[in-house]
Amino acid sequence: AGRMHTVGLKSNGTVVAVGYNYYGQCDVGGWTDITQVAAGRRHTVGLKTDGTVVAAGCIGFDNYGQCDVGGWTDIVQVSAGSKHTVGLKSDGTVVAVGNNEWGQCDVGGWTDIIQVAAGIYHTVGLKSDGTVAAVGYNDYGQCEVNSWTDIVQVAAGRMHTVGLKSNGTVVAVGYNFNLQF
């Protein structure tokens, strides 16, 4: 789910979306061969079976380049932040486009990544050795994941980051004023 829209992936590889569509983020009716979807603040991205990526929702003044995914290839996972999009490549490297005001797209040197997650203004990457990397807005400590080990899955919220450990416990950092973790 995005900020004000919801996206669904159907079993036949097509996509449906409902909600606020002022920026065209729900214009996914023609998408086919999709294996994964992600919804950002005002955009939607879809991962195709051939490893390419499609995007919708970059109409108007709120276009920060978050839909500039047309040249992406060999992608195995996508994630959408507020105004940025992140893609995990099959070789474990990461690409990102869009608003980079807080460095949330500075993932060019990442390697051995097996999962990515995009928060509102930060990006998180799970490494194959169970450690975690993060870049971007860090005023609430949401990028303070360097000491995490034995992680099997990560999630990025608006201003917090959560990690699932192999023993089933959870670690979290960042904004917790509403008891998110």
N, C-alpha and C. Protein backbone atom coordinates (compact mmCIF):
# COMPACT_ATOMS: atom_id res chain seq x y z
N ALA A 1 0.83 -1.19 0.00
CA ALA A 1 0.00 0.00 0.00
C ALA A 1 0.87 1.25 0.00
N GLY A 2 0.46 2.22 -0.76
CA GLY A 2 1.14 3.51 -0.78
C GLY A 2 0.51 4.46 0.20
N ARG A 3 0.77 5.74 0.03
CA ARG A 3 0.24 6.72 0.96
C ARG A 3 -1.29 6.76 0.91
N MET A 4 -1.84 6.82 -0.31
CA MET A 4 -3.30 6.88 -0.45
C MET A 4 -3.80 5.99 -1.56
N HIS A 5 -3.06 4.92 -1.87
CA HIS A 5 -3.51 3.97 -2.87
C HIS A 5 -3.07 2.57 -2.49
N THR A 6 -3.80 1.59 -3.01
CA THR A 6 -3.52 0.19 -2.73
C THR A 6 -3.35 -0.54 -4.04
N VAL A 7 -2.35 -1.42 -4.08
CA VAL A 7 -2.00 -2.15 -5.29
C VAL A 7 -2.09 -3.64 -5.01
N GLY A 8 -2.60 -4.39 -5.98
CA GLY A 8 -2.68 -5.84 -5.83
C GLY A 8 -2.11 -6.55 -7.04
N LEU A 9 -1.38 -7.62 -6.79
CA LEU A 9 -0.83 -8.46 -7.84
C LEU A 9 -1.71 -9.68 -7.98
N LYS A 10 -2.24 -9.91 -9.18
CA LYS A 10 -3.10 -11.05 -9.42
C LYS A 10 -2.26 -12.27 -9.82
N SER A 11 -2.80 -13.44 -9.65
CA SER A 11 -2.07 -14.69 -9.93
C SER A 11 -1.69 -14.83 -11.41
N ASN A 12 -2.38 -14.12 -12.29
CA ASN A 12 -2.06 -14.19 -13.72
C ASN A 12 -1.02 -13.16 -14.15
N GLY A 13 -0.41 -12.45 -13.18
CA GLY A 13 0.64 -11.48 -13.49
C GLY A 13 0.16 -10.10 -13.86
N THR A 14 -1.13 -9.86 -13.74
CA THR A 14 -1.65 -8.51 -13.96
C THR A 14 -1.77 -7.81 -12.61
N VAL A 15 -2.02 -6.50 -12.67
CA VAL A 15 -2.02 -5.68 -11.46
C VAL A 15 -3.29 -4.85 -11.41
N VAL A 16 -3.82 -4.67 -10.22
CA VAL A 16 -4.97 -3.80 -9.99
C VAL A 16 -4.58 -2.77 -8.93
N ALA A 17 -5.21 -1.61 -9.00
CA ALA A 17 -4.94 -0.55 -8.02
C ALA A 17 -6.18 0.29 -7.81
N VAL A 18 -6.35 0.76 -6.59
CA VAL A 18 -7.47 1.62 -6.24
C VAL A 18 -6.96 2.73 -5.34
N GLY A 19 -7.73 3.80 -5.29
CA GLY A 19 -7.39 4.90 -4.40
C GLY A 19 -7.11 6.18 -5.15
N TYR A 20 -6.42 7.07 -4.48
CA TYR A 20 -6.05 8.37 -5.01
C TYR A 20 -5.17 8.19 -6.24
N ASN A 21 -5.55 8.79 -7.37
CA ASN A 21 -4.83 8.56 -8.62
C ASN A 21 -4.43 9.86 -9.31
N TYR A 22 -4.29 10.92 -8.56
CA TYR A 22 -3.97 12.22 -9.15
C TYR A 22 -2.66 12.19 -9.94
N TYR A 23 -1.70 11.42 -9.50
CA TYR A 23 -0.40 11.35 -10.16
C TYR A 23 -0.27 10.16 -11.11
N GLY A 24 -1.35 9.41 -11.27
CA GLY A 24 -1.34 8.25 -12.16
C GLY A 24 -0.80 6.99 -11.51
N GLN A 25 -0.69 6.99 -10.19
CA GLN A 25 -0.14 5.83 -9.48
C GLN A 25 -1.02 4.59 -9.56
N CYS A 26 -2.26 4.74 -9.97
CA CYS A 26 -3.15 3.59 -10.13
C CYS A 26 -3.29 3.16 -11.59
N ASP A 27 -2.55 3.77 -12.48
CA ASP A 27 -2.63 3.46 -13.91
C ASP A 27 -1.78 2.22 -14.25
N VAL A 28 -2.20 1.08 -13.74
CA VAL A 28 -1.46 -0.17 -13.90
C VAL A 28 -2.26 -1.20 -14.68
N GLY A 29 -3.36 -0.79 -15.25
CA GLY A 29 -4.27 -1.71 -15.93
C GLY A 29 -3.66 -2.49 -17.08
N GLY A 30 -2.66 -1.96 -17.73
CA GLY A 30 -2.05 -2.65 -18.86
C GLY A 30 -0.83 -3.49 -18.50
N TRP A 31 -0.48 -3.53 -17.23
CA TRP A 31 0.71 -4.28 -16.83
C TRP A 31 0.46 -5.78 -16.92
N THR A 32 1.42 -6.52 -17.46
CA THR A 32 1.35 -7.98 -17.55
C THR A 32 2.70 -8.57 -17.18
N ASP A 33 2.71 -9.85 -16.92
CA ASP A 33 3.95 -10.58 -16.58
C ASP A 33 4.65 -9.98 -15.37
N ILE A 34 3.90 -9.53 -14.39
CA ILE A 34 4.45 -8.93 -13.18
C ILE A 34 4.60 -10.00 -12.11
N THR A 35 5.71 -9.98 -11.38
CA THR A 35 5.95 -10.94 -10.30
C THR A 35 5.95 -10.29 -8.92
N GLN A 36 6.10 -8.96 -8.86
CA GLN A 36 6.11 -8.26 -7.59
C GLN A 36 5.69 -6.82 -7.82
N VAL A 37 5.00 -6.23 -6.85
CA VAL A 37 4.65 -4.81 -6.90
C VAL A 37 5.08 -4.13 -5.62
N ALA A 38 5.30 -2.82 -5.71
CA ALA A 38 5.61 -2.01 -4.54
C ALA A 38 4.96 -0.65 -4.73
N ALA A 39 4.43 -0.10 -3.67
CA ALA A 39 3.76 1.19 -3.74
C ALA A 39 4.49 2.20 -2.87
N GLY A 40 4.82 3.33 -3.46
CA GLY A 40 5.44 4.43 -2.73
C GLY A 40 4.39 5.46 -2.35
N ARG A 41 4.87 6.63 -2.03
CA ARG A 41 3.96 7.69 -1.62
C ARG A 41 2.96 8.01 -2.73
N ARG A 42 3.48 8.26 -3.93
CA ARG A 42 2.62 8.61 -5.05
C ARG A 42 3.05 7.90 -6.32
N HIS A 43 3.65 6.74 -6.19
CA HIS A 43 4.04 5.97 -7.37
C HIS A 43 3.94 4.48 -7.09
N THR A 44 3.88 3.71 -8.16
CA THR A 44 3.78 2.26 -8.07
C THR A 44 4.82 1.67 -9.01
N VAL A 45 5.50 0.61 -8.57
CA VAL A 45 6.46 -0.06 -9.43
C VAL A 45 6.12 -1.54 -9.50
N GLY A 46 6.45 -2.13 -10.64
CA GLY A 46 6.21 -3.55 -10.85
C GLY A 46 7.43 -4.22 -11.43
N LEU A 47 7.76 -5.38 -10.89
CA LEU A 47 8.86 -6.19 -11.39
C LEU A 47 8.31 -7.21 -12.37
N LYS A 48 8.85 -7.20 -13.58
CA LYS A 48 8.39 -8.12 -14.62
C LYS A 48 9.18 -9.43 -14.56
N THR A 49 8.62 -10.47 -15.15
CA THR A 49 9.26 -11.79 -15.13
C THR A 49 10.62 -11.79 -15.80
N ASP A 50 10.86 -10.85 -16.72
CA ASP A 50 12.14 -10.80 -17.41
C ASP A 50 13.19 -9.97 -16.67
N GLY A 51 12.88 -9.50 -15.46
CA GLY A 51 13.84 -8.74 -14.66
C GLY A 51 13.86 -7.25 -14.94
N THR A 52 12.93 -6.78 -15.77
CA THR A 52 12.81 -5.34 -15.99
C THR A 52 11.74 -4.79 -15.05
N VAL A 53 11.65 -3.46 -14.99
CA VAL A 53 10.75 -2.81 -14.04
C VAL A 53 9.91 -1.78 -14.76
N VAL A 54 8.63 -1.68 -14.37
CA VAL A 54 7.73 -0.66 -14.88
C VAL A 54 7.28 0.22 -13.72
N ALA A 55 6.85 1.44 -14.04
CA ALA A 55 6.44 2.36 -12.98
C ALA A 55 5.29 3.22 -13.46
N ALA A 56 4.48 3.65 -12.51
CA ALA A 56 3.37 4.56 -12.77
C ALA A 56 3.29 5.56 -11.63
N GLY A 57 2.84 6.77 -11.94
CA GLY A 57 2.61 7.74 -10.88
C GLY A 57 3.57 8.89 -10.84
N CYS A 58 4.17 9.24 -11.92
CA CYS A 58 5.11 10.36 -11.91
C CYS A 58 4.63 11.49 -12.80
N ILE A 59 3.36 11.78 -12.69
CA ILE A 59 2.76 12.87 -13.43
C ILE A 59 2.75 14.10 -12.53
N GLY A 60 3.14 15.24 -13.05
CA GLY A 60 2.99 16.48 -12.31
C GLY A 60 4.20 16.90 -11.52
N PHE A 61 3.98 17.81 -10.56
CA PHE A 61 5.06 18.46 -9.85
C PHE A 61 5.79 17.56 -8.86
N ASP A 62 5.25 16.43 -8.53
CA ASP A 62 5.86 15.57 -7.52
C ASP A 62 6.77 14.51 -8.16
N ASN A 63 7.30 14.79 -9.33
CA ASN A 63 8.17 13.84 -10.02
C ASN A 63 9.62 14.11 -9.63
N TYR A 64 10.22 13.21 -8.90
CA TYR A 64 11.61 13.31 -8.48
C TYR A 64 12.48 12.29 -9.21
N GLY A 65 11.94 11.68 -10.26
CA GLY A 65 12.69 10.66 -10.98
C GLY A 65 12.49 9.27 -10.43
N GLN A 66 11.56 9.10 -9.49
CA GLN A 66 11.31 7.81 -8.87
C GLN A 66 10.75 6.77 -9.85
N CYS A 67 10.33 7.21 -11.01
CA CYS A 67 9.81 6.29 -12.03
C CYS A 67 10.82 6.02 -13.15
N ASP A 68 12.02 6.54 -13.02
CA ASP A 68 13.04 6.38 -14.06
C ASP A 68 13.71 5.01 -13.97
N VAL A 69 12.93 3.97 -14.14
CA VAL A 69 13.40 2.59 -14.01
C VAL A 69 13.42 1.86 -15.35
N GLY A 70 13.16 2.58 -16.41
CA GLY A 70 13.03 1.97 -17.73
C GLY A 70 14.26 1.21 -18.21
N GLY A 71 15.44 1.58 -17.77
CA GLY A 71 16.66 0.91 -18.20
C GLY A 71 17.13 -0.18 -17.26
N TRP A 72 16.39 -0.42 -16.20
CA TRP A 72 16.82 -1.44 -15.24
C TRP A 72 16.65 -2.84 -15.83
N THR A 73 17.64 -3.70 -15.61
CA THR A 73 17.60 -5.10 -16.03
C THR A 73 18.15 -5.98 -14.93
N ASP A 74 17.87 -7.26 -15.00
CA ASP A 74 18.36 -8.24 -14.03
C ASP A 74 17.93 -7.92 -12.60
N ILE A 75 16.76 -7.33 -12.44
CA ILE A 75 16.23 -7.00 -11.11
C ILE A 75 15.48 -8.20 -10.55
N VAL A 76 15.67 -8.46 -9.25
CA VAL A 76 14.98 -9.58 -8.60
C VAL A 76 14.03 -9.11 -7.50
N GLN A 77 14.13 -7.83 -7.09
CA GLN A 77 13.22 -7.30 -6.08
C GLN A 77 13.17 -5.79 -6.21
N VAL A 78 12.00 -5.20 -5.95
CA VAL A 78 11.84 -3.75 -5.95
C VAL A 78 11.22 -3.30 -4.64
N SER A 79 11.50 -2.05 -4.28
CA SER A 79 10.89 -1.43 -3.12
C SER A 79 10.70 0.04 -3.42
N ALA A 80 9.62 0.62 -2.93
CA ALA A 80 9.30 2.01 -3.21
C ALA A 80 9.24 2.81 -1.92
N GLY A 81 10.00 3.88 -1.87
CA GLY A 81 9.96 4.79 -0.73
C GLY A 81 9.01 5.94 -1.01
N SER A 82 9.16 7.00 -0.28
CA SER A 82 8.29 8.15 -0.48
C SER A 82 8.45 8.71 -1.88
N LYS A 83 9.68 9.04 -2.24
CA LYS A 83 9.95 9.64 -3.55
C LYS A 83 11.17 8.99 -4.18
N HIS A 84 11.44 7.74 -3.85
CA HIS A 84 12.54 7.01 -4.47
C HIS A 84 12.17 5.55 -4.66
N THR A 85 12.87 4.91 -5.60
CA THR A 85 12.63 3.50 -5.92
C THR A 85 13.97 2.78 -5.86
N VAL A 86 13.94 1.58 -5.28
CA VAL A 86 15.15 0.79 -5.11
C VAL A 86 14.96 -0.56 -5.80
N GLY A 87 16.01 -1.02 -6.47
CA GLY A 87 15.97 -2.32 -7.12
C GLY A 87 17.17 -3.17 -6.74
N LEU A 88 16.91 -4.43 -6.43
CA LEU A 88 17.96 -5.39 -6.12
C LEU A 88 18.26 -6.18 -7.38
N LYS A 89 19.53 -6.17 -7.78
CA LYS A 89 19.94 -6.88 -8.99
C LYS A 89 20.32 -8.33 -8.64
N SER A 90 20.28 -9.19 -9.64
CA SER A 90 20.57 -10.61 -9.42
C SER A 90 21.98 -10.86 -8.93
N ASP A 91 22.90 -9.93 -9.17
CA ASP A 91 24.28 -10.10 -8.70
C ASP A 91 24.51 -9.57 -7.29
N GLY A 92 23.45 -9.14 -6.60
CA GLY A 92 23.56 -8.66 -5.23
C GLY A 92 23.89 -7.19 -5.09
N THR A 93 23.94 -6.47 -6.21
CA THR A 93 24.12 -5.03 -6.15
C THR A 93 22.76 -4.35 -6.15
N VAL A 94 22.75 -3.05 -5.90
CA VAL A 94 21.50 -2.32 -5.73
C VAL A 94 21.53 -1.06 -6.58
N VAL A 95 20.39 -0.72 -7.17
CA VAL A 95 20.22 0.53 -7.91
C VAL A 95 19.09 1.32 -7.26
N ALA A 96 19.15 2.64 -7.40
CA ALA A 96 18.10 3.49 -6.83
C ALA A 96 17.97 4.75 -7.66
N VAL A 97 16.74 5.24 -7.77
CA VAL A 97 16.45 6.48 -8.47
C VAL A 97 15.45 7.29 -7.65
N GLY A 98 15.44 8.59 -7.92
CA GLY A 98 14.47 9.46 -7.27
C GLY A 98 15.12 10.48 -6.37
N ASN A 99 14.34 10.99 -5.46
CA ASN A 99 14.81 12.01 -4.52
C ASN A 99 15.96 11.44 -3.70
N ASN A 100 17.08 12.16 -3.68
CA ASN A 100 18.25 11.72 -2.92
C ASN A 100 18.68 12.79 -1.93
N GLU A 101 17.74 13.58 -1.46
CA GLU A 101 18.04 14.70 -0.57
C GLU A 101 18.78 14.28 0.70
N TRP A 102 18.51 13.10 1.20
CA TRP A 102 19.16 12.62 2.42
C TRP A 102 20.10 11.45 2.15
N GLY A 103 20.43 11.21 0.89
CA GLY A 103 21.35 10.13 0.55
C GLY A 103 20.70 8.76 0.49
N GLN A 104 19.37 8.72 0.43
CA GLN A 104 18.66 7.44 0.40
C GLN A 104 18.89 6.64 -0.88
N CYS A 105 19.47 7.26 -1.90
CA CYS A 105 19.78 6.55 -3.14
C CYS A 105 21.27 6.22 -3.26
N ASP A 106 22.05 6.48 -2.23
CA ASP A 106 23.48 6.23 -2.26
C ASP A 106 23.80 4.77 -1.95
N VAL A 107 23.37 3.89 -2.85
CA VAL A 107 23.53 2.44 -2.66
C VAL A 107 24.47 1.84 -3.70
N GLY A 108 25.13 2.67 -4.48
CA GLY A 108 25.97 2.21 -5.57
C GLY A 108 27.10 1.28 -5.17
N GLY A 109 27.59 1.37 -3.95
CA GLY A 109 28.68 0.51 -3.50
C GLY A 109 28.23 -0.74 -2.76
N TRP A 110 26.94 -0.93 -2.62
CA TRP A 110 26.45 -2.10 -1.90
C TRP A 110 26.67 -3.37 -2.72
N THR A 111 27.11 -4.44 -2.04
CA THR A 111 27.28 -5.75 -2.67
C THR A 111 26.77 -6.82 -1.72
N ASP A 112 26.57 -8.01 -2.25
CA ASP A 112 26.12 -9.16 -1.46
C ASP A 112 24.78 -8.91 -0.76
N ILE A 113 23.92 -8.11 -1.36
CA ILE A 113 22.61 -7.81 -0.80
C ILE A 113 21.61 -8.87 -1.27
N ILE A 114 20.74 -9.31 -0.35
CA ILE A 114 19.73 -10.31 -0.70
C ILE A 114 18.30 -9.79 -0.56
N GLN A 115 18.13 -8.60 0.06
CA GLN A 115 16.81 -7.99 0.18
C GLN A 115 16.98 -6.50 0.39
N VAL A 116 16.07 -5.70 -0.17
CA VAL A 116 16.08 -4.26 0.04
C VAL A 116 14.73 -3.81 0.58
N ALA A 117 14.74 -2.69 1.28
CA ALA A 117 13.52 -2.08 1.79
C ALA A 117 13.70 -0.57 1.76
N ALA A 118 12.68 0.14 1.28
CA ALA A 118 12.73 1.59 1.21
C ALA A 118 11.75 2.19 2.20
N GLY A 119 12.26 3.05 3.07
CA GLY A 119 11.42 3.81 3.98
C GLY A 119 11.04 5.13 3.35
N ILE A 120 10.54 6.04 4.13
CA ILE A 120 10.13 7.32 3.57
C ILE A 120 11.33 8.05 2.98
N TYR A 121 12.44 8.13 3.73
CA TYR A 121 13.64 8.81 3.25
C TYR A 121 14.90 8.01 3.57
N HIS A 122 14.78 6.71 3.72
CA HIS A 122 15.96 5.88 3.93
C HIS A 122 15.81 4.55 3.21
N THR A 123 16.95 3.89 2.99
CA THR A 123 16.98 2.62 2.29
C THR A 123 17.78 1.63 3.11
N VAL A 124 17.30 0.40 3.18
CA VAL A 124 17.93 -0.65 3.98
C VAL A 124 18.24 -1.84 3.07
N GLY A 125 19.39 -2.45 3.30
CA GLY A 125 19.77 -3.63 2.54
C GLY A 125 20.23 -4.75 3.46
N LEU A 126 19.67 -5.94 3.27
CA LEU A 126 20.08 -7.13 4.02
C LEU A 126 21.17 -7.83 3.25
N LYS A 127 22.30 -8.05 3.92
CA LYS A 127 23.44 -8.71 3.26
C LYS A 127 23.35 -10.22 3.45
N SER A 128 24.02 -10.95 2.57
CA SER A 128 23.97 -12.41 2.60
C SER A 128 24.55 -12.99 3.89
N ASP A 129 25.38 -12.24 4.59
CA ASP A 129 25.96 -12.73 5.85
C ASP A 129 25.10 -12.41 7.07
N GLY A 130 23.89 -11.86 6.86
CA GLY A 130 22.97 -11.56 7.95
C GLY A 130 23.17 -10.20 8.58
N THR A 131 24.07 -9.40 8.05
CA THR A 131 24.23 -8.03 8.53
C THR A 131 23.39 -7.10 7.66
N VAL A 132 23.30 -5.84 8.07
CA VAL A 132 22.40 -4.90 7.42
C VAL A 132 23.11 -3.58 7.15
N ALA A 133 22.82 -2.98 6.01
CA ALA A 133 23.32 -1.66 5.66
C ALA A 133 22.14 -0.72 5.53
N ALA A 134 22.37 0.56 5.78
CA ALA A 134 21.30 1.55 5.64
C ALA A 134 21.90 2.91 5.28
N VAL A 135 21.18 3.66 4.47
CA VAL A 135 21.56 5.02 4.10
C VAL A 135 20.33 5.90 4.10
N GLY A 136 20.56 7.20 4.25
CA GLY A 136 19.46 8.15 4.16
C GLY A 136 19.23 8.91 5.44
N TYR A 137 18.04 9.47 5.55
CA TYR A 137 17.62 10.28 6.70
C TYR A 137 17.75 9.46 7.98
N ASN A 138 18.46 10.02 8.96
CA ASN A 138 18.76 9.25 10.17
C ASN A 138 18.51 10.03 11.45
N ASP A 139 17.68 11.05 11.42
CA ASP A 139 17.46 11.87 12.61
C ASP A 139 16.88 11.10 13.78
N TYR A 140 16.23 9.98 13.54
CA TYR A 140 15.66 9.18 14.62
C TYR A 140 16.42 7.88 14.82
N GLY A 141 17.57 7.73 14.17
CA GLY A 141 18.38 6.52 14.32
C GLY A 141 17.91 5.35 13.49
N GLN A 142 17.06 5.59 12.49
CA GLN A 142 16.52 4.50 11.68
C GLN A 142 17.58 3.82 10.80
N CYS A 143 18.74 4.43 10.68
CA CYS A 143 19.83 3.82 9.90
C CYS A 143 20.90 3.20 10.80
N GLU A 144 20.68 3.17 12.08
CA GLU A 144 21.67 2.63 13.03
C GLU A 144 21.54 1.10 13.12
N VAL A 145 21.91 0.42 12.05
CA VAL A 145 21.75 -1.04 11.94
C VAL A 145 23.09 -1.76 11.81
N ASN A 146 24.19 -1.03 11.91
CA ASN A 146 25.51 -1.61 11.68
C ASN A 146 25.86 -2.75 12.63
N SER A 147 25.29 -2.75 13.80
CA SER A 147 25.61 -3.81 14.78
C SER A 147 24.71 -5.03 14.65
N TRP A 148 23.70 -4.98 13.78
CA TRP A 148 22.77 -6.09 13.64
C TRP A 148 23.47 -7.28 13.00
N THR A 149 23.20 -8.47 13.53
CA THR A 149 23.72 -9.71 12.95
C THR A 149 22.61 -10.76 12.96
N ASP A 150 22.80 -11.79 12.16
CA ASP A 150 21.88 -12.92 12.13
C ASP A 150 20.47 -12.52 11.70
N ILE A 151 20.38 -11.53 10.81
CA ILE A 151 19.10 -11.03 10.32
C ILE A 151 18.69 -11.83 9.08
N VAL A 152 17.39 -12.16 8.97
CA VAL A 152 16.90 -12.91 7.81
C VAL A 152 15.90 -12.10 6.97
N GLN A 153 15.39 -10.99 7.52
CA GLN A 153 14.47 -10.14 6.77
C GLN A 153 14.48 -8.75 7.37
N VAL A 154 14.32 -7.73 6.50
CA VAL A 154 14.26 -6.35 6.97
C VAL A 154 13.01 -5.67 6.44
N ALA A 155 12.57 -4.64 7.16
CA ALA A 155 11.46 -3.80 6.73
C ALA A 155 11.79 -2.37 7.11
N ALA A 156 11.39 -1.45 6.26
CA ALA A 156 11.62 -0.03 6.51
C ALA A 156 10.29 0.68 6.59
N GLY A 157 10.03 1.31 7.71
CA GLY A 157 8.82 2.10 7.87
C GLY A 157 9.09 3.55 7.55
N ARG A 158 8.18 4.39 7.97
CA ARG A 158 8.33 5.81 7.67
C ARG A 158 9.64 6.34 8.22
N MET A 159 9.89 6.15 9.49
CA MET A 159 11.14 6.61 10.11
C MET A 159 11.67 5.58 11.11
N HIS A 160 11.47 4.30 10.80
CA HIS A 160 12.03 3.24 11.62
C HIS A 160 12.39 2.06 10.75
N THR A 161 13.24 1.19 11.29
CA THR A 161 13.69 0.00 10.58
C THR A 161 13.54 -1.20 11.50
N VAL A 162 13.09 -2.32 10.93
CA VAL A 162 12.85 -3.53 11.71
C VAL A 162 13.60 -4.67 11.06
N GLY A 163 14.19 -5.53 11.89
CA GLY A 163 14.87 -6.71 11.39
C GLY A 163 14.39 -7.96 12.10
N LEU A 164 14.19 -9.03 11.34
CA LEU A 164 13.81 -10.33 11.89
C LEU A 164 15.07 -11.18 11.98
N LYS A 165 15.36 -11.68 13.17
CA LYS A 165 16.52 -12.53 13.38
C LYS A 165 16.16 -13.99 13.10
N SER A 166 17.17 -14.80 12.85
CA SER A 166 16.93 -16.20 12.51
C SER A 166 16.28 -16.98 13.65
N ASN A 167 16.41 -16.51 14.88
CA ASN A 167 15.80 -17.20 16.02
C ASN A 167 14.36 -16.75 16.27
N GLY A 168 13.83 -15.89 15.38
CA GLY A 168 12.44 -15.45 15.50
C GLY A 168 12.25 -14.18 16.30
N THR A 169 13.30 -13.63 16.87
CA THR A 169 13.18 -12.37 17.59
C THR A 169 13.30 -11.20 16.62
N VAL A 170 12.91 -10.04 17.10
CA VAL A 170 12.88 -8.85 16.26
C VAL A 170 13.73 -7.76 16.90
N VAL A 171 14.46 -7.02 16.05
CA VAL A 171 15.18 -5.83 16.49
C VAL A 171 14.63 -4.65 15.72
N ALA A 172 14.69 -3.46 16.31
CA ALA A 172 14.16 -2.28 15.66
C ALA A 172 14.90 -1.04 16.14
N VAL A 173 14.98 -0.06 15.24
CA VAL A 173 15.58 1.23 15.57
C VAL A 173 14.77 2.33 14.90
N GLY A 174 14.90 3.55 15.45
CA GLY A 174 14.27 4.69 14.82
C GLY A 174 13.16 5.28 15.65
N TYR A 175 12.29 5.97 14.98
CA TYR A 175 11.16 6.69 15.58
C TYR A 175 10.21 5.71 16.24
N ASN A 176 10.00 5.86 17.55
CA ASN A 176 9.14 4.93 18.29
C ASN A 176 8.14 5.67 19.18
N PHE A 177 7.85 6.91 18.87
CA PHE A 177 6.96 7.69 19.71
C PHE A 177 5.53 7.17 19.69
N ASN A 178 5.15 6.41 18.69
CA ASN A 178 3.82 5.82 18.62
C ASN A 178 3.85 4.32 18.88
N LEU A 179 4.92 3.84 19.48
CA LEU A 179 5.12 2.44 19.85
C LEU A 179 5.05 1.54 18.63
N GLN A 180 5.76 1.93 17.54
CA GLN A 180 5.81 1.12 16.33
C GLN A 180 6.53 -0.21 16.58
N PHE A 181 7.40 -0.24 17.56
CA PHE A 181 8.12 -1.49 17.87
C PHE A 181 8.33 -1.65 19.34
